[in-house]
Amino acid sequence: DITGMTHMSSLQSLVTRLASWSKAFTSSDRDVVLGDCFSNQELAQEFKLHKSVWDAAIFIGCPQLTAIDSVFLAFCLCMNVVVLVTFLGITFYVFTSSRLTPELESRLEDWRINFGHSVKYYDQITLTSLTQRVCALDKFEPEMSSRVALLLHDIRKFIGTNPFFNGPALVRVALLVWGLTVVSDLTQCWDLSRVLRALPRKPETRICRDGPSLRLDAIGRGRAAWVACILLVRVSTSVFLWELGNQFLCFHSISTAEILLNAVALEIILKIDEAMFALCPWRVKALISKLEPLPAPSRFGRKRWPDHRPYIFAAVIIATVAIAQFWALQKVEDAVLRANATVCSGVQDFVYSTDVFHLVYTSNTNPSGFSEEKISNYGHKQAILETIYPETVPIMGSCERCDEPLPMAISFNVSPLEQVKKRSQWDVLAASTGLQALAGTECDDLLLRIPELARFWNESADALTFFGSTSAQISTCADVAPMCAYHDKARASCPETCGCSTPLAGPLLSTPEYGCPSDSR
């Protein structure tokens, strides 16, 4: 009982403290109060004219400016309007439609059918189709179809790997920033209209000297109508820019870099009036600079008349971004996914050819099942690198030219360019026969006759173990013999060892079309 009474007393004490804190918080006492030296009127809003052609145009025709100053200021204002209207027209007719149209998807499908899987563009070094090379941008640099590859690069960057930090998220941020920029301009128009409406109306505009500064005491009725026209044009262009700018950011590009540049370009266009102000005469600049801030209507400073514009504009910006997401951006995301699927979905590792009857014949790009590691271990890469960097060519210790570097690539002394071009078009039979001609033989083993060929076999040994080689070092055709039944390169390099000269006694594939030279028939 004593313990329960103690707990009850502690609970009552806690409730009492919470009640006192709540009362202190909700009472009229605050930790910051307005003393006798400070009043709410000092928080009243003031408006300072900006260094902008829009604001400077208010004073066209004022006595403080010469006729030439007024004419040139009117010219700057017209140029500002022309630039804005031109940009609006270009954006409306060029940049408000998506690049990822159904026509583009149809062209991408045609590309994949006509080029992506054509045997004409099959790469014998990487054993890949053009579609495989274009879709695997992180592994290959496609030698053609750069526009398709660039489009896929932009698509992958736009889709991203994180749904919160990708292209659509960047577009939403750009829309938000663009909305804030336009709202800032609209707020200036709103403030200017309020302070000018609060000025006394007189037959003529009165600008008085107040020490080193100037003060706008009254505005003429005709000038008030002129200001209303300026504000109407400014607000109209800002609203149209807001809408077309949203479409520009959503539709024009899916490149993340271009999205950032587009957002910056929109802000520059909206602020062109400030850049145009630099052309204004010095009297105009001095007038804007020396003019005191214009007092806002007194009710802005009253507690019972809060300024609701920030909340209204914030709601409008959020609604604009939401509408752009569901009306425009979602369509772009769907089109991006469809374009990516058109190029890279389905089976990629096959090539085809057609005959005169348009019958289609297909084959897997890697029928022997080589892994990427084995393909990368082939000697051709080392041979090409040695040609690029001759200083890396090793000096072999057991050859006829043991005191000279022995490159892996085979070169020619007579008509080298024609020889290289011709060999790129040869089939297996022509290539094996050409190796024999290079050594001056008809059907002999070549590893000892062509040292470059022996080097190639040793550089490619790791890749060719798939076919049964167990020798760590290949120096003679006897080391290649285990691969005769599996590899046409073995039969082309060692036709005598592989039984090409006696096809009936040799392996089943010891015929010319499988790597044996033509003279072995």
Protein backbone atom coordinates (compact mmCIF):
# COMPACT_ATOMS: atom_id res chain seq x y z
CA ASP A 1 0.00 0.00 0.00
CA ILE A 2 2.82 2.39 0.86
CA THR A 3 4.50 1.57 -2.49
CA GLY A 4 1.24 2.19 -4.41
CA MET A 5 0.73 5.52 -2.66
CA THR A 6 4.32 6.51 -3.56
CA HIS A 7 3.72 5.67 -7.26
CA MET A 8 0.44 7.59 -7.24
CA SER A 9 2.16 10.63 -5.75
CA SER A 10 4.90 10.52 -8.41
CA LEU A 11 2.28 10.27 -11.17
CA GLN A 12 0.37 13.28 -9.81
CA SER A 13 3.61 15.26 -9.64
CA LEU A 14 4.39 14.42 -13.29
CA VAL A 15 0.91 15.44 -14.44
CA THR A 16 1.22 18.73 -12.56
CA ARG A 17 4.54 19.52 -14.22
CA LEU A 18 3.20 18.70 -17.71
CA ALA A 19 0.20 20.95 -17.09
CA SER A 20 2.44 23.83 -15.99
CA TRP A 21 4.68 23.41 -19.07
CA SER A 22 1.65 23.37 -21.36
CA LYS A 23 0.26 26.50 -19.73
CA ALA A 24 3.58 28.27 -20.03
CA PHE A 25 3.81 27.34 -23.72
CA THR A 26 0.27 28.40 -24.61
CA SER A 27 0.18 31.56 -22.53
CA SER A 28 0.78 35.00 -23.93
CA ASP A 29 4.30 35.04 -22.45
CA ARG A 30 7.01 34.20 -24.96
CA ASP A 31 10.74 33.90 -24.82
CA VAL A 32 10.92 36.59 -27.53
CA VAL A 33 8.74 39.70 -27.05
CA LEU A 34 8.47 43.04 -28.79
CA GLY A 35 9.77 45.77 -26.52
CA ASP A 36 8.98 49.45 -26.60
CA CYS A 37 11.77 50.06 -29.10
CA PHE A 38 10.35 47.66 -31.72
CA SER A 39 6.91 47.37 -33.32
CA ASN A 40 5.14 45.17 -35.80
CA GLN A 41 5.11 48.06 -38.27
CA GLU A 42 8.87 47.68 -38.68
CA LEU A 43 8.22 44.20 -40.11
CA ALA A 44 6.01 45.69 -42.81
CA GLN A 45 6.97 44.66 -46.32
CA GLU A 46 8.85 46.98 -48.65
CA PHE A 47 9.52 46.49 -52.33
CA LYS A 48 12.76 47.47 -54.01
CA LEU A 49 12.71 47.73 -57.80
CA HIS A 50 15.04 45.18 -59.36
CA LYS A 51 17.73 45.85 -61.91
CA SER A 52 15.51 44.49 -64.65
CA VAL A 53 14.16 45.77 -67.94
CA TRP A 54 10.65 44.96 -66.72
CA ASP A 55 10.99 47.24 -63.69
CA ALA A 56 12.96 49.92 -65.52
CA ALA A 57 10.29 50.13 -68.26
CA ILE A 58 7.96 51.74 -65.69
CA PHE A 59 9.86 55.01 -66.16
CA ILE A 60 9.78 55.22 -69.96
CA GLY A 61 8.99 58.84 -70.78
CA CYS A 62 9.83 60.25 -67.32
CA PRO A 63 11.36 63.75 -67.29
CA GLN A 64 14.40 62.39 -65.44
CA LEU A 65 15.31 60.48 -68.66
CA THR A 66 16.17 61.98 -71.99
CA ALA A 67 14.17 61.11 -75.08
CA ILE A 68 17.01 58.90 -76.35
CA ASP A 69 17.12 57.10 -72.98
CA SER A 70 13.38 56.38 -73.14
CA VAL A 71 13.55 55.21 -76.76
CA PHE A 72 16.47 52.87 -76.08
CA LEU A 73 14.80 51.56 -72.92
CA ALA A 74 11.67 50.81 -74.97
CA PHE A 75 13.89 49.05 -77.52
CA CYS A 76 15.41 46.88 -74.74
CA LEU A 77 11.93 46.04 -73.49
CA CYS A 78 10.83 44.98 -76.99
CA MET A 79 13.96 42.88 -77.45
CA ASN A 80 13.25 41.17 -74.12
CA VAL A 81 9.69 40.33 -75.19
CA VAL A 82 10.88 39.13 -78.63
CA VAL A 83 13.45 36.78 -77.07
CA LEU A 84 10.84 35.31 -74.72
CA VAL A 85 8.21 34.88 -77.43
CA THR A 86 10.78 33.31 -79.80
CA PHE A 87 11.82 30.82 -77.14
CA LEU A 88 8.18 30.03 -76.40
CA GLY A 89 7.52 29.33 -80.08
CA ILE A 90 10.60 27.15 -80.53
CA THR A 91 9.81 25.20 -77.38
CA PHE A 92 6.19 24.69 -78.41
CA TYR A 93 6.94 23.47 -81.93
CA VAL A 94 10.19 21.57 -81.32
CA PHE A 95 10.74 20.55 -77.70
CA THR A 96 7.33 19.57 -76.34
CA SER A 97 7.10 16.14 -77.98
CA SER A 98 8.86 13.01 -76.82
CA ARG A 99 11.77 11.63 -78.84
CA LEU A 100 10.75 8.07 -77.89
CA THR A 101 7.84 7.82 -80.29
CA PRO A 102 6.23 4.64 -81.68
CA GLU A 103 8.03 5.43 -84.96
CA LEU A 104 11.38 5.29 -83.14
CA GLU A 105 10.46 1.96 -81.56
CA SER A 106 9.60 0.65 -85.02
CA ARG A 107 12.98 1.83 -86.36
CA LEU A 108 14.78 0.18 -83.45
CA GLU A 109 12.99 -3.07 -84.22
CA ASP A 110 14.02 -2.76 -87.88
CA TRP A 111 17.61 -2.12 -86.79
CA ARG A 112 17.66 -5.27 -84.71
CA ILE A 113 16.21 -7.36 -87.55
CA ASN A 114 18.36 -5.94 -90.34
CA PHE A 115 21.63 -5.29 -88.53
CA GLY A 116 21.65 -6.48 -84.93
CA HIS A 117 21.62 -10.21 -85.77
CA SER A 118 22.94 -10.21 -89.33
CA VAL A 119 25.88 -12.54 -89.85
CA LYS A 120 27.49 -9.71 -91.81
CA TYR A 121 28.20 -7.90 -88.54
CA TYR A 122 29.25 -10.96 -86.54
CA ASP A 123 32.51 -10.45 -84.67
CA GLN A 124 34.77 -13.48 -84.95
CA ILE A 125 37.11 -12.25 -82.23
CA THR A 126 34.56 -11.82 -79.44
CA LEU A 127 32.06 -14.35 -80.88
CA THR A 128 29.19 -11.90 -80.51
CA SER A 129 26.41 -10.44 -82.60
CA LEU A 130 26.08 -6.71 -83.07
CA THR A 131 23.10 -6.74 -80.69
CA GLN A 132 25.23 -8.32 -77.97
CA ARG A 133 27.95 -5.72 -78.39
CA VAL A 134 25.52 -2.78 -78.42
CA CYS A 135 23.60 -4.02 -75.37
CA ALA A 136 26.74 -4.84 -73.35
CA LEU A 137 28.08 -1.29 -73.30
CA ASP A 138 30.13 -2.01 -70.20
CA LYS A 139 32.09 -4.73 -72.04
CA PHE A 140 32.25 -3.63 -75.67
CA GLU A 141 32.67 -0.44 -77.65
CA PRO A 142 30.52 -1.03 -80.76
CA GLU A 143 32.32 -0.25 -84.00
CA MET A 144 29.05 0.81 -85.65
CA SER A 145 25.45 1.76 -84.77
CA SER A 146 26.79 4.51 -82.54
CA ARG A 147 23.41 6.28 -82.44
CA VAL A 148 21.69 3.15 -81.10
CA ALA A 149 24.52 2.64 -78.62
CA LEU A 150 24.30 6.26 -77.45
CA LEU A 151 20.53 5.96 -77.06
CA LEU A 152 20.96 2.81 -74.95
CA HIS A 153 23.62 4.55 -72.87
CA ASP A 154 21.19 7.39 -72.12
CA ILE A 155 18.40 4.89 -71.40
CA ARG A 156 20.55 2.96 -68.89
CA LYS A 157 21.58 6.21 -67.15
CA PHE A 158 17.96 7.40 -67.10
CA ILE A 159 16.59 4.14 -65.68
CA GLY A 160 19.46 3.81 -63.19
CA THR A 161 19.86 1.17 -60.55
CA ASN A 162 18.27 3.08 -57.66
CA PRO A 163 14.61 4.13 -58.05
CA PHE A 164 15.18 7.16 -55.82
CA PHE A 165 18.30 8.46 -57.58
CA ASN A 166 17.74 8.10 -61.33
CA GLY A 167 16.66 10.10 -64.36
CA PRO A 168 12.97 10.53 -63.40
CA ALA A 169 14.02 11.71 -59.93
CA LEU A 170 16.33 14.26 -61.56
CA VAL A 171 13.47 15.49 -63.77
CA ARG A 172 11.23 15.91 -60.72
CA VAL A 173 13.94 17.94 -58.96
CA ALA A 174 14.40 20.06 -62.10
CA LEU A 175 10.63 20.64 -62.27
CA LEU A 176 10.61 21.71 -58.63
CA VAL A 177 13.53 24.13 -59.09
CA TRP A 178 12.00 25.51 -62.29
CA GLY A 179 8.69 26.05 -60.50
CA LEU A 180 10.43 27.92 -57.68
CA THR A 181 12.20 30.12 -60.24
CA VAL A 182 8.95 31.04 -61.99
CA VAL A 183 7.16 31.59 -58.68
CA SER A 184 9.91 34.00 -57.66
CA ASP A 185 9.22 36.02 -60.81
CA LEU A 186 5.45 35.90 -60.27
CA THR A 187 5.93 37.02 -56.66
CA GLN A 188 7.84 40.07 -57.86
CA CYS A 189 4.96 40.92 -60.19
CA TRP A 190 2.47 40.51 -57.35
CA ASP A 191 4.48 42.71 -54.98
CA LEU A 192 4.99 45.41 -57.60
CA SER A 193 1.30 45.53 -58.43
CA ARG A 194 0.36 45.88 -54.73
CA VAL A 195 2.81 48.66 -53.92
CA LEU A 196 1.94 50.62 -57.06
CA ARG A 197 -1.77 50.30 -56.36
CA ALA A 198 -1.12 51.70 -52.88
CA LEU A 199 0.57 54.83 -54.28
CA PRO A 200 -1.60 57.95 -54.60
CA ARG A 201 -3.03 58.56 -58.06
CA LYS A 202 -2.13 61.94 -59.55
CA PRO A 203 -2.38 63.43 -63.02
CA GLU A 204 1.37 62.92 -63.35
CA THR A 205 4.03 60.75 -61.72
CA ARG A 206 5.98 62.50 -58.93
CA ILE A 207 9.57 61.52 -58.09
CA CYS A 208 11.04 63.61 -55.25
CA ARG A 209 14.54 63.94 -53.88
CA ASP A 210 15.08 62.65 -50.34
CA GLY A 211 18.69 63.46 -49.51
CA PRO A 212 20.93 61.34 -51.73
CA SER A 213 17.99 59.09 -52.62
CA LEU A 214 14.88 59.42 -54.76
CA ARG A 215 11.34 58.70 -53.62
CA LEU A 216 8.32 57.78 -55.74
CA ASP A 217 5.48 59.74 -54.11
CA ALA A 218 2.70 59.32 -56.67
CA ILE A 219 2.01 57.64 -59.95
CA GLY A 220 0.12 59.11 -62.85
CA ARG A 221 -3.03 57.46 -64.13
CA GLY A 222 -1.63 56.91 -67.60
CA ARG A 223 1.58 55.40 -66.20
CA ALA A 224 -0.48 53.15 -63.92
CA ALA A 225 -2.22 51.77 -67.03
CA TRP A 226 1.19 51.33 -68.70
CA VAL A 227 2.49 49.42 -65.66
CA ALA A 228 -0.61 47.20 -65.76
CA CYS A 229 0.14 46.33 -69.40
CA ILE A 230 3.77 45.51 -68.55
CA LEU A 231 2.70 43.28 -65.67
CA LEU A 232 0.13 41.52 -67.85
CA VAL A 233 2.75 40.71 -70.50
CA ARG A 234 5.27 39.63 -67.86
CA VAL A 235 2.85 37.37 -66.01
CA SER A 236 1.59 35.85 -69.28
CA THR A 237 5.09 35.02 -70.51
CA SER A 238 6.06 33.59 -67.12
CA VAL A 239 3.01 31.32 -66.97
CA PHE A 240 3.51 30.11 -70.54
CA LEU A 241 7.20 29.56 -69.83
CA TRP A 242 6.29 27.55 -66.75
CA GLU A 243 4.03 25.20 -68.69
CA LEU A 244 6.23 24.83 -71.76
CA GLY A 245 9.32 24.56 -69.56
CA ASN A 246 7.75 21.61 -67.74
CA GLN A 247 7.11 19.88 -71.07
CA PHE A 248 10.63 20.76 -72.21
CA LEU A 249 12.16 19.09 -69.14
CA CYS A 250 9.94 16.01 -69.42
CA PHE A 251 10.03 15.32 -73.14
CA HIS A 252 13.11 16.79 -74.79
CA SER A 253 15.84 14.49 -73.54
CA ILE A 254 16.49 11.46 -71.37
CA SER A 255 20.19 12.27 -71.02
CA THR A 256 20.86 13.19 -67.40
CA ALA A 257 23.49 15.73 -68.44
CA GLU A 258 21.09 17.39 -70.91
CA ILE A 259 18.33 17.52 -68.28
CA LEU A 260 20.61 19.57 -66.03
CA LEU A 261 21.60 21.84 -68.92
CA ASN A 262 17.96 22.29 -69.92
CA ALA A 263 17.04 23.37 -66.39
CA VAL A 264 19.85 25.93 -66.40
CA ALA A 265 18.82 27.15 -69.88
CA LEU A 266 15.25 27.76 -68.71
CA GLU A 267 16.42 29.88 -65.79
CA ILE A 268 18.66 31.91 -68.12
CA ILE A 269 15.74 32.59 -70.45
CA LEU A 270 13.50 33.68 -67.59
CA LYS A 271 16.22 36.03 -66.29
CA ILE A 272 17.00 37.52 -69.70
CA ASP A 273 15.43 40.80 -68.50
CA GLU A 274 18.21 41.19 -65.94
CA ALA A 275 20.85 40.54 -68.61
CA MET A 276 19.14 43.03 -70.93
CA PHE A 277 19.29 45.64 -68.15
CA ALA A 278 23.05 45.84 -68.72
CA LEU A 279 22.32 47.59 -72.05
CA CYS A 280 20.18 50.29 -70.47
CA PRO A 281 21.53 53.88 -70.39
CA TRP A 282 23.31 55.05 -67.26
CA ARG A 283 20.47 57.41 -66.29
CA VAL A 284 18.08 54.48 -66.14
CA LYS A 285 20.50 52.51 -63.98
CA ALA A 286 21.04 55.48 -61.65
CA LEU A 287 17.30 56.03 -61.31
CA ILE A 288 16.66 52.39 -60.34
CA SER A 289 19.66 52.35 -57.98
CA LYS A 290 18.80 55.58 -56.11
CA LEU A 291 15.06 54.98 -55.81
CA GLU A 292 14.03 54.17 -52.23
CA PRO A 293 12.04 50.97 -51.53
CA LEU A 294 8.34 51.40 -52.07
CA PRO A 295 6.18 50.89 -48.96
CA ALA A 296 3.72 48.01 -49.10
CA PRO A 297 0.09 48.35 -47.96
CA SER A 298 -0.08 48.56 -44.18
CA ARG A 299 -2.20 45.44 -43.76
CA PHE A 300 0.83 43.30 -44.68
CA GLY A 301 2.28 44.14 -41.32
CA ARG A 302 -0.83 43.34 -39.34
CA LYS A 303 -1.12 40.12 -37.48
CA ARG A 304 -4.68 39.42 -38.64
CA TRP A 305 -3.71 39.63 -42.32
CA PRO A 306 -1.05 36.96 -42.77
CA ASP A 307 0.59 36.53 -46.16
CA HIS A 308 -0.86 33.31 -47.61
CA ARG A 309 1.05 33.46 -50.88
CA PRO A 310 3.92 31.15 -49.83
CA TYR A 311 1.47 28.38 -48.96
CA ILE A 312 -0.57 28.89 -52.13
CA PHE A 313 2.51 28.91 -54.39
CA ALA A 314 3.96 25.86 -52.60
CA ALA A 315 0.72 23.97 -53.19
CA VAL A 316 0.69 25.04 -56.85
CA ILE A 317 4.31 23.89 -57.37
CA ILE A 318 3.64 20.50 -55.78
CA ALA A 319 0.49 20.08 -57.86
CA THR A 320 2.41 21.01 -61.02
CA VAL A 321 5.12 18.42 -60.34
CA ALA A 322 2.47 15.78 -59.58
CA ILE A 323 0.58 16.54 -62.80
CA ALA A 324 3.82 16.40 -64.80
CA GLN A 325 4.63 13.03 -63.19
CA PHE A 326 1.35 11.37 -64.12
CA TRP A 327 0.66 13.18 -67.40
CA ALA A 328 4.11 13.38 -69.00
CA LEU A 329 6.94 11.79 -67.04
CA GLN A 330 5.21 8.43 -66.62
CA LYS A 331 4.74 8.23 -70.40
CA VAL A 332 8.43 8.92 -70.90
CA GLU A 333 9.42 6.22 -68.41
CA ASP A 334 7.17 3.67 -70.17
CA ALA A 335 8.59 4.64 -73.58
CA VAL A 336 12.15 4.30 -72.25
CA LEU A 337 11.47 0.78 -70.97
CA ARG A 338 9.85 -0.22 -74.27
CA ALA A 339 12.79 1.11 -76.30
CA ASN A 340 15.27 -0.76 -74.11
CA ALA A 341 13.23 -3.96 -74.46
CA THR A 342 13.00 -3.55 -78.24
CA VAL A 343 16.79 -3.52 -78.60
CA CYS A 344 17.97 -5.83 -75.85
CA SER A 345 15.18 -8.19 -74.76
CA GLY A 346 14.87 -11.80 -75.86
CA VAL A 347 17.69 -13.89 -77.31
CA GLN A 348 20.78 -11.91 -78.29
CA ASP A 349 23.42 -14.58 -79.01
CA PHE A 350 22.44 -15.66 -82.53
CA VAL A 351 23.10 -14.53 -86.10
CA TYR A 352 21.25 -15.29 -89.30
CA SER A 353 21.62 -15.20 -93.05
CA THR A 354 19.15 -15.48 -95.91
CA ASP A 355 19.35 -17.12 -99.31
CA VAL A 356 17.89 -15.99 -102.63
CA PHE A 357 14.52 -17.36 -101.54
CA HIS A 358 14.65 -15.29 -98.33
CA LEU A 359 14.77 -18.44 -96.25
CA VAL A 360 16.37 -17.68 -92.88
CA TYR A 361 19.28 -19.74 -91.47
CA THR A 362 20.38 -19.16 -87.88
CA SER A 363 23.30 -20.12 -85.69
CA ASN A 364 24.40 -19.48 -82.14
CA THR A 365 27.18 -16.90 -81.96
CA ASN A 366 29.28 -19.18 -79.76
CA PRO A 367 28.43 -22.74 -80.84
CA SER A 368 31.54 -24.18 -79.18
CA GLY A 369 30.55 -22.76 -75.79
CA PHE A 370 33.62 -20.63 -75.16
CA SER A 371 33.49 -18.70 -71.91
CA GLU A 372 34.37 -15.00 -71.84
CA GLU A 373 37.52 -15.85 -69.92
CA LYS A 374 38.71 -18.26 -72.58
CA ILE A 375 37.94 -15.80 -75.37
CA SER A 376 39.92 -13.10 -73.56
CA ASN A 377 42.88 -15.52 -73.23
CA TYR A 378 43.25 -15.94 -76.99
CA GLY A 379 46.58 -14.74 -78.37
CA HIS A 380 45.13 -12.23 -80.85
CA LYS A 381 44.88 -9.49 -78.24
CA GLN A 382 48.51 -9.87 -77.24
CA ALA A 383 49.54 -9.87 -80.91
CA ILE A 384 47.72 -6.61 -81.55
CA LEU A 385 49.10 -5.01 -78.37
CA GLU A 386 52.64 -5.97 -79.41
CA THR A 387 52.05 -4.26 -82.75
CA ILE A 388 50.83 -1.12 -80.97
CA TYR A 389 53.75 -1.20 -78.52
CA PRO A 390 56.75 -2.83 -80.31
CA GLU A 391 58.92 -2.47 -77.21
CA THR A 392 56.87 -5.18 -75.51
CA VAL A 393 57.80 -7.87 -78.06
CA PRO A 394 59.88 -10.55 -76.28
CA ILE A 395 63.16 -12.04 -77.50
CA MET A 396 62.75 -15.81 -77.86
CA GLY A 397 65.61 -18.10 -76.83
CA SER A 398 65.04 -21.10 -79.11
CA CYS A 399 64.48 -19.99 -82.67
CA GLU A 400 66.34 -19.11 -85.82
CA ARG A 401 66.20 -15.41 -84.88
CA CYS A 402 66.99 -15.86 -81.20
CA ASP A 403 68.82 -12.55 -81.02
CA GLU A 404 65.84 -10.60 -82.39
CA PRO A 405 62.39 -9.82 -80.96
CA LEU A 406 59.79 -12.29 -82.19
CA PRO A 407 56.38 -10.66 -82.67
CA MET A 408 53.29 -12.79 -82.66
CA ALA A 409 51.61 -10.97 -85.55
CA ILE A 410 52.54 -12.11 -89.06
CA SER A 411 53.65 -9.36 -91.45
CA PHE A 412 54.31 -9.27 -95.20
CA ASN A 413 57.08 -7.76 -97.30
CA VAL A 414 55.23 -7.68 -100.63
CA SER A 415 51.86 -5.90 -101.00
CA PRO A 416 51.20 -5.98 -97.24
CA LEU A 417 47.92 -4.05 -97.30
CA GLU A 418 46.40 -6.23 -100.02
CA GLN A 419 47.54 -9.37 -98.19
CA VAL A 420 45.95 -8.26 -94.92
CA LYS A 421 42.66 -7.29 -96.61
CA LYS A 422 42.51 -10.57 -98.50
CA ARG A 423 43.00 -12.74 -95.43
CA SER A 424 40.16 -11.04 -93.56
CA GLN A 425 37.75 -12.44 -96.17
CA TRP A 426 39.04 -16.02 -96.23
CA ASP A 427 37.14 -19.03 -94.96
CA VAL A 428 38.74 -21.93 -93.06
CA LEU A 429 39.94 -23.70 -96.21
CA ALA A 430 41.48 -20.58 -97.73
CA ALA A 431 43.13 -19.61 -94.43
CA SER A 432 44.75 -23.00 -93.90
CA THR A 433 45.96 -23.10 -97.51
CA GLY A 434 47.31 -19.55 -97.12
CA LEU A 435 49.38 -20.60 -94.10
CA GLN A 436 50.96 -23.36 -96.18
CA ALA A 437 51.72 -20.86 -98.96
CA LEU A 438 53.28 -18.52 -96.41
CA ALA A 439 55.71 -21.29 -95.39
CA GLY A 440 56.27 -22.43 -98.99
CA THR A 441 54.77 -25.88 -98.37
CA GLU A 442 51.62 -27.76 -99.30
CA CYS A 443 50.64 -29.99 -96.36
CA ASP A 444 53.36 -29.83 -93.74
CA ASP A 445 53.39 -29.07 -90.02
CA LEU A 446 54.02 -25.34 -89.52
CA LEU A 447 54.92 -24.72 -85.88
CA LEU A 448 58.65 -25.00 -86.57
CA ARG A 449 58.42 -23.21 -89.91
CA ILE A 450 56.41 -20.21 -88.69
CA PRO A 451 57.67 -19.15 -85.22
CA GLU A 452 54.86 -16.59 -84.92
CA LEU A 453 52.35 -19.44 -85.08
CA ALA A 454 54.07 -21.27 -82.23
CA ARG A 455 53.93 -18.13 -80.10
CA PHE A 456 50.21 -17.78 -80.86
CA TRP A 457 49.56 -21.34 -79.67
CA ASN A 458 51.41 -20.76 -76.41
CA GLU A 459 49.58 -17.47 -75.76
CA SER A 460 46.26 -19.20 -76.49
CA ALA A 461 47.00 -22.40 -74.55
CA ASP A 462 44.79 -21.49 -71.58
CA ALA A 463 41.85 -20.84 -73.86
CA LEU A 464 42.34 -24.00 -75.90
CA THR A 465 42.51 -26.40 -72.91
CA PHE A 466 38.75 -26.61 -73.36
CA PHE A 467 39.45 -28.87 -76.32
CA GLY A 468 41.68 -31.32 -74.52
CA SER A 469 45.19 -29.87 -74.46
CA THR A 470 47.15 -30.80 -71.38
CA SER A 471 50.57 -29.49 -72.39
CA ALA A 472 51.83 -26.50 -70.45
CA GLN A 473 54.19 -25.47 -73.26
CA ILE A 474 53.55 -26.05 -76.97
CA SER A 475 56.72 -26.32 -79.00
CA THR A 476 55.99 -28.99 -81.63
CA CYS A 477 52.94 -30.39 -83.36
CA ALA A 478 53.06 -33.38 -81.06
CA ASP A 479 51.81 -31.07 -78.31
CA VAL A 480 48.91 -30.02 -80.54
CA ALA A 481 47.91 -33.56 -81.49
CA PRO A 482 45.28 -33.96 -78.69
CA MET A 483 43.32 -31.08 -80.23
CA CYS A 484 43.29 -32.36 -83.83
CA ALA A 485 39.84 -33.90 -83.45
CA TYR A 486 38.37 -30.77 -81.89
CA HIS A 487 39.85 -27.64 -83.42
CA ASP A 488 40.29 -26.47 -87.03
CA LYS A 489 43.22 -24.27 -85.92
CA ALA A 490 45.06 -27.44 -84.90
CA ARG A 491 44.47 -29.07 -88.28
CA ALA A 492 45.52 -25.89 -90.11
CA SER A 493 48.75 -25.56 -88.06
CA CYS A 494 49.71 -29.24 -88.03
CA PRO A 495 47.98 -30.90 -91.01
CA GLU A 496 50.47 -33.76 -91.25
CA THR A 497 50.25 -34.62 -87.56
CA CYS A 498 46.45 -34.36 -87.68
CA GLY A 499 46.23 -36.78 -90.63
CA CYS A 500 45.16 -34.35 -93.33
CA SER A 501 47.46 -36.03 -95.85
CA THR A 502 45.80 -39.39 -95.11
CA PRO A 503 42.19 -38.49 -94.28
CA LEU A 504 41.01 -42.10 -94.16
CA ALA A 505 43.54 -42.93 -91.46
CA GLY A 506 43.19 -39.64 -89.58
CA PRO A 507 40.44 -38.05 -87.53
CA LEU A 508 36.90 -37.87 -88.83
CA LEU A 509 37.21 -34.12 -89.55
CA SER A 510 40.54 -34.27 -91.43
CA THR A 511 39.11 -32.76 -94.63
CA PRO A 512 39.74 -29.34 -96.23
CA GLU A 513 36.50 -27.74 -95.08
CA TYR A 514 37.49 -28.47 -91.47
CA GLY A 515 40.92 -26.84 -91.50
CA CYS A 516 43.08 -29.05 -93.67
CA PRO A 517 44.79 -27.25 -96.58
CA SER A 518 43.38 -27.76 -100.07
CA ASP A 519 46.41 -29.72 -101.29
CA SER A 520 45.71 -32.42 -98.70
CA ARG A 521 42.92 -33.76 -100.94
